[in-house]
Every structure is written in structure tokens, then in C-alpha cells.
Amino acid sequence: MDATLQILILISIGFIAGFINTIAGGGSLLTLPILIFLGLPPNIANGTNRIGILFQSIFTTAGFKSKGIVTFPFSIYIGISALFGSILGAQIAIDIKGETFNKILAVIMIMVVAFMVLKSKYKQLDSLEKTTGKHLWISILIFFFVGVYGGFIQAGVGIIMLFVLSSVNNISLVKSNAIKVMVALILQFQLWQFLLIAIKLIGNWG
């Protein structure tokens, strides 16, 4: 495929994925398969995908903050928990074989799409947020495992976060999105692991 066409495809898909990630989640379900389709080994594609998420998360977080949407300190608590989980998930992603990764990605894509289609509409039971006490600790525990998944494959993790924030913490959709983006930004602090492995794999690939 012509290099110019590849760049145009990546820019277009990146724009669409960024929009999807901001309002809901699941943009990596587009970008990750495209990167693999364009010839990147699965592990390198997985690491490369995180770079786009990193920059998107920075600018989106700044955008929410400029609108006065405050998510501190709750987002920091669950974000740090997710970060520790993501370190474990990233190690799994690095160690797994490419063919196995592709099979897992295919299954996850089907499951996430099915969840999006079948899940009930986003709604709140009441107007009271539940971000303290036992609900905080439950969220911290859940987000550790969300982090494991996010560190492993990332695709669809935003949808999972929105579901947890609505069902466990009863947080509004807009604020949930702001929290989701902040947690996604914190998750990218383990990006260095993917960069190191990508450099190693590119060297072997070349």
C-alpha cells in the first residue's frame, strides 16, 4: 500500500477514534486492528496505539478542566490503582505471542461490540454520587483489574470504566467521561514499557 494512503488512513481513523474515545470509549477497537492491518506486529501495534492515547488524554483532560469539570481526588485514587494493574497487564501483553494476541483481540472486539449493543441505556438511580467510604474502596479494587485489562490491550477499556462509574459510583455521563480520560492518562505512565519492547522488537524485525 502506498505510504501516502497509509498516512491518510491513519489520520482519518485517529480522528474518528479520538472523537469516540472522548464521548464514550472504544476508539482502540478501530486503531489497533488498523495498525496490525498496515503491517505492524501486534506487540508494536499495541505499544504504538498507546502513544496516540497519551496525547489524546492530555488534551482531552485539559479540555474538561477548562469547562470546570473537577474529578479530583477521586480520579487520582482509582487512577493510581489502575496504574498498578496496568503494569501487570502490560507485562502480559509484552510476553504474549503475536498470533495469540490477534486471537484474543478478535474475541475481545466481539465481546465489547456485543456489550455495547446489548447493554441498557446509561442512567442514574439518583442524583447522589457515591465516591466515598465503601464505594471508593470498591472502585479502587475494581479499577485495579480494569488497569490489568487496560495495560494488556486497552481496546474497550473506556466503555468498561464508564460502566463501573455509572453502576458503582452513580456518576453523571459527562463527569464519568472526564474521570475516564484522566484515568486513561494515568495509565499511560507505563507506556515506557511498550516503548522499550517496541525498540527491541523493531531491531529484531529489521
Foldseek 3Di string as FASTA:
>chain_A
DDPVVLVVVQVVLLVVLLVCLLQFAQSCLRQLVSVVVVPDQNLLSQLVVLVSLQVSLVVSLVVCVVVVQDDPPLLVLLLVLLQQLLLLLLVVQLPDHRVVLVVVSVVVSVVLVVCVVPPDDQDFPDDAWACDDPLVVVSSVVSSNLSSVCSNRVRNSRNVQQVSRCPRGVDDSNSSSSSSSSSSNSNCVSSVVSVVSSVVVVVVVD
